[in-house]
Amino acid sequence: MTKVLDNIDNQINYKKQGEGISSLPNVGKDLTQKLLTLGIDTPEKLRKTGTEQTYLRIKALDPGACFSLLCAIEGAIHGIRWHDLPPERKQELKHFFYMAKKQA
């Protein structure tokens, strides 16, 4: 746990410098901690893992993971605020969210 906390502190420092996973839009302290717990510590690893897979991995750790979190991950991958996602992509994510919820 100490390693994760040290890594979070490092990510917060990177955010100030414009680097690291926490420098992405929508990625605050809570999401940073979850991503680091999963071993996703760079924007490249997040992009490679993808929105849906990242969400499912977080949901396995936190069954209360919500739709806003799913959108936040998508926005982070694309470098935009999740509120600015195209409506059609939000609809796809909503469908995925409800399907994942049913399978839980």
N, C-alpha and C. Protein backbone atom coordinates (compact mmCIF):
# COMPACT_ATOMS: atom_id res chain seq x y z
N MET A 1 0.83 -1.20 0.00
CA MET A 1 0.00 0.00 0.00
C MET A 1 0.87 1.25 0.00
N THR A 2 2.00 1.19 0.71
CA THR A 2 2.89 2.34 0.75
C THR A 2 3.41 2.68 -0.64
N LYS A 3 3.71 1.63 -1.43
CA LYS A 3 4.19 1.86 -2.78
C LYS A 3 3.13 2.59 -3.62
N VAL A 4 1.86 2.17 -3.47
CA VAL A 4 0.77 2.84 -4.20
C VAL A 4 0.68 4.30 -3.78
N LEU A 5 0.76 4.57 -2.47
CA LEU A 5 0.66 5.95 -2.00
C LEU A 5 1.84 6.78 -2.50
N ASP A 6 3.04 6.21 -2.49
CA ASP A 6 4.20 6.93 -3.04
C ASP A 6 4.01 7.20 -4.51
N ASN A 7 3.46 6.23 -5.23
CA ASN A 7 3.22 6.40 -6.65
C ASN A 7 2.18 7.48 -6.91
N ILE A 8 1.17 7.56 -6.04
CA ILE A 8 0.16 8.63 -6.18
C ILE A 8 0.82 9.99 -5.99
N ASP A 9 1.66 10.11 -4.97
CA ASP A 9 2.37 11.38 -4.75
C ASP A 9 3.21 11.74 -5.96
N ASN A 10 3.89 10.76 -6.54
CA ASN A 10 4.69 11.01 -7.74
C ASN A 10 3.81 11.45 -8.89
N GLN A 11 2.64 10.82 -9.04
CA GLN A 11 1.73 11.19 -10.12
C GLN A 11 1.20 12.61 -9.94
N ILE A 12 0.93 12.99 -8.71
CA ILE A 12 0.47 14.35 -8.44
C ILE A 12 1.56 15.34 -8.81
N ASN A 13 2.80 15.04 -8.50
CA ASN A 13 3.91 15.90 -8.90
C ASN A 13 4.03 15.96 -10.41
N TYR A 14 3.83 14.82 -11.10
CA TYR A 14 3.88 14.81 -12.56
C TYR A 14 2.78 15.67 -13.14
N LYS A 15 1.61 15.68 -12.49
CA LYS A 15 0.49 16.47 -12.99
C LYS A 15 0.89 17.93 -13.07
N LYS A 16 1.62 18.38 -12.07
CA LYS A 16 2.09 19.76 -12.07
C LYS A 16 3.01 20.02 -13.25
N GLN A 17 3.73 18.97 -13.67
CA GLN A 17 4.67 19.09 -14.77
C GLN A 17 4.04 18.71 -16.10
N GLY A 18 2.79 18.25 -16.12
CA GLY A 18 2.11 17.88 -17.34
C GLY A 18 2.45 16.48 -17.82
N GLU A 19 2.86 15.60 -16.92
CA GLU A 19 3.20 14.23 -17.29
C GLU A 19 2.42 13.27 -16.41
N GLY A 20 2.47 11.99 -16.74
CA GLY A 20 1.88 10.97 -15.89
C GLY A 20 0.39 10.80 -16.09
N ILE A 21 -0.12 9.74 -15.49
CA ILE A 21 -1.53 9.37 -15.65
C ILE A 21 -2.46 10.45 -15.10
N SER A 22 -2.06 11.09 -14.01
CA SER A 22 -2.95 12.09 -13.39
C SER A 22 -2.96 13.42 -14.14
N SER A 23 -2.14 13.54 -15.18
CA SER A 23 -2.17 14.78 -15.97
C SER A 23 -3.31 14.77 -16.98
N LEU A 24 -3.95 13.62 -17.13
CA LEU A 24 -5.05 13.50 -18.10
C LEU A 24 -6.32 14.14 -17.55
N PRO A 25 -7.17 14.65 -18.44
CA PRO A 25 -8.46 15.19 -17.99
C PRO A 25 -9.26 14.11 -17.27
N ASN A 26 -10.02 14.49 -16.29
CA ASN A 26 -10.92 13.62 -15.54
C ASN A 26 -10.23 12.70 -14.54
N VAL A 27 -8.90 12.73 -14.48
CA VAL A 27 -8.17 11.81 -13.61
C VAL A 27 -7.71 12.55 -12.36
N GLY A 28 -8.53 12.44 -11.32
CA GLY A 28 -8.20 13.03 -10.03
C GLY A 28 -7.52 12.01 -9.14
N LYS A 29 -7.44 12.35 -7.88
CA LYS A 29 -6.72 11.50 -6.92
C LYS A 29 -7.35 10.10 -6.80
N ASP A 30 -8.67 10.02 -6.75
CA ASP A 30 -9.35 8.74 -6.58
C ASP A 30 -9.12 7.82 -7.79
N LEU A 31 -9.33 8.35 -8.99
CA LEU A 31 -9.14 7.53 -10.18
C LEU A 31 -7.66 7.19 -10.36
N THR A 32 -6.77 8.12 -10.03
CA THR A 32 -5.34 7.83 -10.10
C THR A 32 -5.01 6.64 -9.22
N GLN A 33 -5.52 6.63 -7.99
CA GLN A 33 -5.24 5.53 -7.07
C GLN A 33 -5.74 4.21 -7.63
N LYS A 34 -6.94 4.21 -8.20
CA LYS A 34 -7.49 2.98 -8.76
C LYS A 34 -6.66 2.49 -9.94
N LEU A 35 -6.27 3.40 -10.81
CA LEU A 35 -5.47 3.02 -11.97
C LEU A 35 -4.12 2.47 -11.55
N LEU A 36 -3.49 3.13 -10.59
CA LEU A 36 -2.18 2.66 -10.12
C LEU A 36 -2.29 1.29 -9.47
N THR A 37 -3.38 1.05 -8.76
CA THR A 37 -3.61 -0.26 -8.14
C THR A 37 -3.66 -1.34 -9.22
N LEU A 38 -4.18 -0.98 -10.39
CA LEU A 38 -4.28 -1.93 -11.51
C LEU A 38 -2.98 -2.01 -12.31
N GLY A 39 -2.00 -1.19 -11.96
CA GLY A 39 -0.75 -1.18 -12.71
C GLY A 39 -0.79 -0.29 -13.94
N ILE A 40 -1.82 0.53 -14.04
CA ILE A 40 -1.94 1.47 -15.16
C ILE A 40 -1.37 2.80 -14.67
N ASP A 41 -0.11 3.06 -15.02
CA ASP A 41 0.57 4.24 -14.48
C ASP A 41 1.03 5.23 -15.53
N THR A 42 0.66 5.01 -16.78
CA THR A 42 0.99 5.96 -17.84
C THR A 42 -0.21 6.13 -18.76
N PRO A 43 -0.30 7.26 -19.44
CA PRO A 43 -1.37 7.43 -20.42
C PRO A 43 -1.35 6.34 -21.50
N GLU A 44 -0.15 5.91 -21.87
CA GLU A 44 -0.03 4.87 -22.89
C GLU A 44 -0.65 3.55 -22.43
N LYS A 45 -0.40 3.19 -21.17
CA LYS A 45 -0.99 1.95 -20.63
C LYS A 45 -2.51 2.06 -20.57
N LEU A 46 -3.01 3.23 -20.24
CA LEU A 46 -4.46 3.43 -20.19
C LEU A 46 -5.04 3.27 -21.59
N ARG A 47 -4.42 3.90 -22.57
CA ARG A 47 -4.92 3.78 -23.95
C ARG A 47 -4.88 2.33 -24.43
N LYS A 48 -3.78 1.64 -24.11
CA LYS A 48 -3.64 0.26 -24.53
C LYS A 48 -4.69 -0.63 -23.88
N THR A 49 -4.99 -0.40 -22.61
CA THR A 49 -5.98 -1.20 -21.90
C THR A 49 -7.38 -0.92 -22.42
N GLY A 50 -7.65 0.34 -22.76
CA GLY A 50 -8.95 0.71 -23.32
C GLY A 50 -9.98 1.03 -22.25
N THR A 51 -10.98 1.75 -22.67
CA THR A 51 -12.02 2.23 -21.76
C THR A 51 -12.77 1.09 -21.07
N GLU A 52 -13.32 0.20 -21.87
CA GLU A 52 -14.18 -0.83 -21.31
C GLU A 52 -13.41 -1.79 -20.40
N GLN A 53 -12.23 -2.22 -20.84
CA GLN A 53 -11.45 -3.15 -20.03
C GLN A 53 -10.99 -2.50 -18.74
N THR A 54 -10.57 -1.24 -18.81
CA THR A 54 -10.16 -0.52 -17.60
C THR A 54 -11.32 -0.43 -16.64
N TYR A 55 -12.49 -0.09 -17.14
CA TYR A 55 -13.68 0.02 -16.30
C TYR A 55 -14.00 -1.32 -15.62
N LEU A 56 -13.96 -2.41 -16.39
CA LEU A 56 -14.27 -3.72 -15.82
C LEU A 56 -13.27 -4.10 -14.73
N ARG A 57 -12.02 -3.76 -14.93
CA ARG A 57 -11.00 -4.07 -13.92
C ARG A 57 -11.23 -3.24 -12.65
N ILE A 58 -11.61 -1.97 -12.82
CA ILE A 58 -11.91 -1.14 -11.65
C ILE A 58 -13.16 -1.67 -10.95
N LYS A 59 -14.16 -2.04 -11.74
CA LYS A 59 -15.42 -2.54 -11.17
C LYS A 59 -15.18 -3.81 -10.35
N ALA A 60 -14.20 -4.62 -10.74
CA ALA A 60 -13.88 -5.82 -9.97
C ALA A 60 -13.35 -5.45 -8.58
N LEU A 61 -12.69 -4.30 -8.48
CA LEU A 61 -12.18 -3.82 -7.19
C LEU A 61 -13.21 -2.99 -6.44
N ASP A 62 -14.06 -2.30 -7.20
CA ASP A 62 -15.04 -1.38 -6.63
C ASP A 62 -16.38 -1.61 -7.32
N PRO A 63 -17.20 -2.52 -6.78
CA PRO A 63 -18.49 -2.84 -7.41
C PRO A 63 -19.41 -1.64 -7.60
N GLY A 64 -19.15 -0.56 -6.88
CA GLY A 64 -19.98 0.64 -7.00
C GLY A 64 -19.54 1.58 -8.12
N ALA A 65 -18.60 1.13 -8.95
CA ALA A 65 -18.11 1.98 -10.05
C ALA A 65 -19.30 2.42 -10.91
N CYS A 66 -19.36 3.72 -11.18
CA CYS A 66 -20.55 4.30 -11.82
C CYS A 66 -20.31 4.66 -13.29
N PHE A 67 -21.39 5.08 -13.93
CA PHE A 67 -21.35 5.48 -15.33
C PHE A 67 -20.43 6.68 -15.54
N SER A 68 -20.43 7.61 -14.62
CA SER A 68 -19.55 8.79 -14.75
C SER A 68 -18.08 8.38 -14.78
N LEU A 69 -17.73 7.35 -14.02
CA LEU A 69 -16.35 6.86 -14.03
C LEU A 69 -16.01 6.29 -15.40
N LEU A 70 -16.92 5.53 -15.96
CA LEU A 70 -16.72 4.98 -17.30
C LEU A 70 -16.47 6.10 -18.32
N CYS A 71 -17.29 7.13 -18.25
CA CYS A 71 -17.13 8.28 -19.16
C CYS A 71 -15.82 9.03 -18.87
N ALA A 72 -15.46 9.12 -17.61
CA ALA A 72 -14.21 9.80 -17.25
C ALA A 72 -13.01 9.08 -17.87
N ILE A 73 -13.02 7.76 -17.84
CA ILE A 73 -11.94 6.98 -18.44
C ILE A 73 -11.89 7.24 -19.94
N GLU A 74 -13.04 7.20 -20.59
CA GLU A 74 -13.09 7.46 -22.04
C GLU A 74 -12.56 8.85 -22.36
N GLY A 75 -12.99 9.84 -21.60
CA GLY A 75 -12.51 11.20 -21.83
C GLY A 75 -11.01 11.32 -21.62
N ALA A 76 -10.51 10.66 -20.59
CA ALA A 76 -9.07 10.70 -20.31
C ALA A 76 -8.28 10.12 -21.48
N ILE A 77 -8.75 9.02 -22.01
CA ILE A 77 -8.06 8.39 -23.15
C ILE A 77 -8.01 9.33 -24.35
N HIS A 78 -9.06 10.11 -24.53
CA HIS A 78 -9.14 11.01 -25.68
C HIS A 78 -8.69 12.44 -25.38
N GLY A 79 -8.31 12.67 -24.12
CA GLY A 79 -7.80 13.98 -23.76
C GLY A 79 -8.85 15.07 -23.67
N ILE A 80 -10.09 14.67 -23.34
CA ILE A 80 -11.17 15.65 -23.23
C ILE A 80 -11.94 15.43 -21.93
N ARG A 81 -12.64 16.46 -21.49
CA ARG A 81 -13.54 16.32 -20.33
C ARG A 81 -14.66 15.36 -20.72
N TRP A 82 -15.08 14.55 -19.78
CA TRP A 82 -16.08 13.54 -20.13
C TRP A 82 -17.41 14.17 -20.53
N HIS A 83 -17.67 15.37 -20.09
CA HIS A 83 -18.91 16.06 -20.48
C HIS A 83 -18.94 16.37 -21.98
N ASP A 84 -17.77 16.40 -22.60
CA ASP A 84 -17.66 16.74 -24.01
C ASP A 84 -17.61 15.54 -24.94
N LEU A 85 -17.82 14.35 -24.41
CA LEU A 85 -17.86 13.17 -25.28
C LEU A 85 -19.02 13.29 -26.26
N PRO A 86 -18.83 12.81 -27.48
CA PRO A 86 -19.94 12.85 -28.45
C PRO A 86 -21.14 12.05 -27.93
N PRO A 87 -22.34 12.54 -28.18
CA PRO A 87 -23.55 11.87 -27.67
C PRO A 87 -23.64 10.40 -28.10
N GLU A 88 -23.24 10.11 -29.32
CA GLU A 88 -23.32 8.71 -29.77
C GLU A 88 -22.36 7.80 -28.99
N ARG A 89 -21.19 8.33 -28.62
CA ARG A 89 -20.25 7.53 -27.82
C ARG A 89 -20.78 7.35 -26.40
N LYS A 90 -21.40 8.40 -25.85
CA LYS A 90 -22.01 8.27 -24.53
C LYS A 90 -23.09 7.20 -24.54
N GLN A 91 -23.84 7.14 -25.62
CA GLN A 91 -24.90 6.14 -25.74
C GLN A 91 -24.30 4.73 -25.77
N GLU A 92 -23.21 4.56 -26.53
CA GLU A 92 -22.52 3.26 -26.57
C GLU A 92 -22.02 2.87 -25.18
N LEU A 93 -21.44 3.84 -24.48
CA LEU A 93 -20.93 3.58 -23.13
C LEU A 93 -22.07 3.25 -22.17
N LYS A 94 -23.21 3.92 -22.34
CA LYS A 94 -24.36 3.64 -21.48
C LYS A 94 -24.84 2.21 -21.69
N HIS A 95 -24.88 1.78 -22.94
CA HIS A 95 -25.27 0.40 -23.25
C HIS A 95 -24.28 -0.58 -22.60
N PHE A 96 -22.99 -0.32 -22.76
CA PHE A 96 -21.96 -1.16 -22.15
C PHE A 96 -22.13 -1.20 -20.63
N PHE A 97 -22.35 -0.03 -20.03
CA PHE A 97 -22.50 0.07 -18.58
C PHE A 97 -23.64 -0.82 -18.09
N TYR A 98 -24.79 -0.76 -18.75
CA TYR A 98 -25.95 -1.55 -18.32
C TYR A 98 -25.72 -3.04 -18.56
N MET A 99 -25.02 -3.38 -19.62
CA MET A 99 -24.70 -4.79 -19.86
C MET A 99 -23.74 -5.31 -18.77
N ALA A 100 -22.75 -4.50 -18.42
CA ALA A 100 -21.80 -4.89 -17.37
C ALA A 100 -22.50 -5.00 -16.03
N LYS A 101 -23.47 -4.14 -15.80
CA LYS A 101 -24.22 -4.15 -14.53
C LYS A 101 -25.06 -5.44 -14.43
N LYS A 102 -25.64 -5.86 -15.54
CA LYS A 102 -26.45 -7.07 -15.55
C LYS A 102 -25.61 -8.32 -15.27
N GLN A 103 -24.37 -8.31 -15.76
CA GLN A 103 -23.51 -9.48 -15.61
C GLN A 103 -22.87 -9.55 -14.23
N ALA A 104 -22.98 -8.50 -13.46
CA ALA A 104 -22.35 -8.48 -12.12
C ALA A 104 -23.12 -9.30 -11.12
